[in-house]
Structure formats: structure tokens, C-alpha cells
Amino acid sequence: MLPARRRALFGVLPLLSACYVYAPIEPAMAKPGMSVRARVSGATADQIEPILGISNARMLDGRLVDIHGDTLIVEVPAVLRAEIGSSIQTLYQRIAVPRAGLFELESRQLDRTRTTIVAAAGGVAIGALIIRAVKGNPGDEALPGGGGAEFRVPLSFFFRE
């Protein structure tokens, strides 16, 4: 069983990624530069998969680069493992998605409510750490003439039970 503070930390992590949401938009409303998620048909995914080198391309996350008539140009990340060592480099591939093969287009938007909640929770946590560090423990004061005060928060504070 994980200690209480670690459980709390893992409980907060999903909130940190929850500041953005995807909202459906009409392809005509899309503008170049937008962060988009495109759900495509099986036939379109079959054409895209060899280009990206992935086995399931039914949903593409990326940035809308341009719109040419009935085709959307979406720049999506593609991960490439380097030949030397085990480093990973992210490259971007531009994919042409025909509107006929597009089921749904969503734009990535900031969720102000979730962002405010996460920022407030982070502020409270940081404030509590500062108060605890400044207040200290009674009886742990430095001896007279022992020099200046230190401001340290040990890592064990975060991982105690």
C-alpha cells in the first residue's frame, strides 16, 4: 500500500493534465495553427498508418497546418528511436486528411475552471510547505549564538507515511 502522501500526489497528477479539453468544431471553422484531434475513417487510417509507422491511426492529435479545398493538412508527432543508444527524438509528419474520411474534428481549448482549481490547489500546497518550513518544530530552535537560520525542506517530507 502506498503512503498517504504518495497516494495524494498520484491523485493530483490526472488534474494536471486536465487543464485542456477537446471540443467538437466544424471543419469550416478550423483555422491553421489550431491544436486539433481528428477522428478518421478506417480507410483513411489504413492510408495514414504506413506513413506514420503506427498500427492504429484512427485518431490523430496535432496542429492544423493548412486547408486545401476538401483536404486538411495536420502535423502530427511521430516518435523515432535513434540508431545509437536509446534516445528518442520526436519528429513531425504532415498528413493530408480528406474531409470525406473525417468523422469528427475537435479543437483543443483551455478549461479555465479546471486550471483555476489546479492553480489554487498548488498555491495551497506551496503555502502549507512554506508555513511548515518557517514555523518549524517547537524545540528544534538553534542554540544561541549558533549562526543564521536555515530554510530547508527535506525530501522525506513528501514520502513519509
Protein backbone atom coordinates (compact mmCIF):
# COMPACT_ATOMS: atom_id res chain seq x y z
CA MET A 1 0.00 0.00 0.00
CA LEU A 2 1.31 3.45 -0.89
CA PRO A 3 1.83 6.01 1.87
CA ALA A 4 -0.86 8.69 2.16
CA ARG A 5 1.24 11.48 0.65
CA ARG A 6 2.21 9.41 -2.38
CA ARG A 7 -1.43 8.45 -2.93
CA ALA A 8 -2.35 12.13 -2.73
CA LEU A 9 0.38 13.00 -5.23
CA PHE A 10 -0.80 10.34 -7.69
CA GLY A 11 -4.39 11.51 -7.15
CA VAL A 12 -3.45 15.05 -8.21
CA LEU A 13 -1.49 14.07 -11.34
CA PRO A 14 -4.58 13.50 -13.54
CA LEU A 15 -5.78 17.00 -12.67
CA LEU A 16 -2.57 18.50 -14.01
CA SER A 17 -3.32 17.15 -17.48
CA ALA A 18 -6.98 18.10 -17.24
CA CYS A 19 -6.47 21.80 -17.97
CA TYR A 20 -7.28 21.26 -21.64
CA VAL A 21 -10.39 19.78 -23.21
CA TYR A 22 -11.31 18.92 -26.78
CA ALA A 23 -14.50 20.49 -28.13
CA PRO A 24 -16.05 19.43 -31.46
CA ILE A 25 -15.87 22.00 -34.26
CA GLU A 26 -16.98 22.10 -37.87
CA PRO A 27 -14.10 21.72 -40.35
CA ALA A 28 -15.14 25.04 -41.92
CA MET A 29 -14.47 26.77 -38.56
CA ALA A 30 -10.94 25.34 -38.27
CA LYS A 31 -8.07 27.76 -38.69
CA PRO A 32 -4.40 27.00 -39.40
CA GLY A 33 -2.31 26.85 -36.22
CA MET A 34 -5.06 25.30 -34.07
CA SER A 35 -4.35 22.23 -31.96
CA VAL A 36 -6.78 19.61 -33.23
CA ARG A 37 -7.79 16.00 -32.81
CA ALA A 38 -9.18 14.32 -35.92
CA ARG A 39 -11.12 11.05 -35.92
CA VAL A 40 -10.83 9.44 -39.32
CA SER A 41 -12.47 6.53 -41.12
CA GLY A 42 -10.90 3.10 -41.32
CA ALA A 43 -9.97 3.53 -44.98
CA THR A 44 -8.27 6.86 -44.30
CA ALA A 45 -6.48 5.36 -41.29
CA ASP A 46 -5.23 2.49 -43.48
CA GLN A 47 -3.65 5.05 -45.84
CA ILE A 48 -2.08 7.05 -43.00
CA GLU A 49 -0.69 4.14 -40.92
CA PRO A 50 2.27 3.32 -43.23
CA ILE A 51 3.28 6.99 -43.36
CA LEU A 52 3.35 7.34 -39.57
CA GLY A 53 4.57 3.81 -38.89
CA ILE A 54 1.84 3.10 -36.34
CA SER A 55 -0.78 0.37 -36.21
CA ASN A 56 -3.85 2.50 -35.38
CA ALA A 57 -4.22 5.94 -36.93
CA ARG A 58 -7.97 6.37 -36.40
CA MET A 59 -7.36 9.36 -34.12
CA LEU A 60 -4.73 11.97 -34.92
CA ASP A 61 -3.60 14.63 -32.43
CA GLY A 62 -1.67 17.51 -33.88
CA ARG A 63 -1.67 21.01 -35.28
CA LEU A 64 -3.71 22.12 -38.27
CA VAL A 65 -1.24 23.46 -40.82
CA ASP A 66 -3.46 24.34 -43.76
CA ILE A 67 -6.74 23.66 -45.54
CA HIS A 68 -6.60 22.94 -49.29
CA GLY A 69 -10.14 22.65 -50.65
CA ASP A 70 -11.54 19.44 -49.18
CA THR A 71 -8.26 18.37 -47.56
CA LEU A 72 -6.94 19.23 -44.11
CA ILE A 73 -3.17 19.20 -43.58
CA VAL A 74 -2.44 18.10 -40.00
CA GLU A 75 1.05 17.98 -38.49
CA VAL A 76 1.26 15.06 -36.04
CA PRO A 77 4.15 13.93 -33.83
CA ALA A 78 5.94 10.73 -34.82
CA VAL A 79 8.43 9.16 -32.40
CA LEU A 80 11.69 7.89 -33.85
CA ARG A 81 14.18 5.75 -31.92
CA ALA A 82 17.75 6.72 -32.78
CA GLU A 83 20.18 4.07 -34.01
CA ILE A 84 22.82 5.00 -31.42
CA GLY A 85 21.93 4.41 -27.80
CA SER A 86 18.36 4.50 -26.60
CA SER A 87 17.48 8.13 -27.24
CA ILE A 88 14.10 9.10 -28.60
CA GLN A 89 13.55 12.02 -30.93
CA THR A 90 10.14 13.45 -31.75
CA LEU A 91 9.67 14.34 -35.40
CA TYR A 92 6.58 15.79 -37.03
CA GLN A 93 4.86 14.42 -40.12
CA ARG A 94 2.32 16.34 -42.17
CA ILE A 95 -0.70 14.23 -43.08
CA ALA A 96 -3.37 15.06 -45.67
CA VAL A 97 -6.82 14.17 -44.34
CA PRO A 98 -9.67 14.35 -46.88
CA ARG A 99 -12.94 15.72 -45.46
CA ALA A 100 -14.71 12.64 -46.81
CA GLY A 101 -12.56 10.48 -44.49
CA LEU A 102 -13.06 12.75 -41.48
CA PHE A 103 -15.63 11.65 -38.90
CA GLU A 104 -15.05 14.36 -36.32
CA LEU A 105 -12.74 17.31 -35.77
CA GLU A 106 -12.11 18.70 -32.29
CA SER A 107 -10.10 21.71 -31.17
CA ARG A 108 -8.02 21.80 -28.01
CA GLN A 109 -9.21 24.52 -25.64
CA LEU A 110 -8.14 25.68 -22.20
CA ASP A 111 -10.61 24.71 -19.46
CA ARG A 112 -10.50 27.76 -17.18
CA THR A 113 -12.35 26.09 -14.29
CA ARG A 114 -10.00 23.11 -14.04
CA THR A 115 -6.96 25.32 -14.49
CA THR A 116 -8.12 27.60 -11.66
CA ILE A 117 -8.72 24.60 -9.38
CA VAL A 118 -5.28 23.14 -10.11
CA ALA A 119 -3.57 26.51 -9.62
CA ALA A 120 -5.42 27.12 -6.33
CA ALA A 121 -4.58 23.63 -5.04
CA GLY A 122 -0.92 24.14 -5.97
CA GLY A 123 -0.89 27.51 -4.20
CA VAL A 124 -2.38 26.00 -1.04
CA ALA A 125 0.18 23.16 -1.10
CA ILE A 126 3.10 25.53 -1.58
CA GLY A 127 1.75 27.83 1.14
CA ALA A 128 1.46 24.90 3.55
CA LEU A 129 5.05 23.87 2.80
CA ILE A 130 6.32 27.40 3.41
CA ILE A 131 4.38 27.74 6.66
CA ARG A 132 5.65 24.40 7.89
CA ALA A 133 9.24 25.23 6.96
CA VAL A 134 9.13 28.70 8.54
CA LYS A 135 7.25 27.63 11.66
CA GLY A 136 9.39 24.56 12.18
CA ASN A 137 9.01 22.20 15.11
CA PRO A 138 8.98 23.53 18.68
CA GLY A 139 12.16 22.52 20.46
CA ASP A 140 14.18 22.44 17.23
CA GLU A 141 15.38 26.03 17.53
CA ALA A 142 19.07 26.72 17.06
CA LEU A 143 21.25 27.29 20.09
CA PRO A 144 22.02 30.92 21.00
CA GLY A 145 24.97 32.26 19.03
CA GLY A 146 24.75 29.36 16.60
CA GLY A 147 24.51 31.42 13.43
CA GLY A 148 21.74 32.21 10.98
CA ALA A 149 18.57 30.26 10.34
CA GLU A 150 18.42 27.67 7.57
CA PHE A 151 15.49 27.17 5.23
CA ARG A 152 15.37 23.53 4.13
CA VAL A 153 12.58 21.12 3.32
CA PRO A 154 13.82 17.51 3.35
CA LEU A 155 12.66 15.20 0.56
CA SER A 156 11.49 12.73 3.17
CA PHE A 157 8.68 15.24 3.95
CA PHE A 158 6.93 14.22 0.72
CA PHE A 159 7.32 10.47 1.12
CA ARG A 160 6.54 9.83 4.81
CA GLU A 161 3.60 7.75 5.89
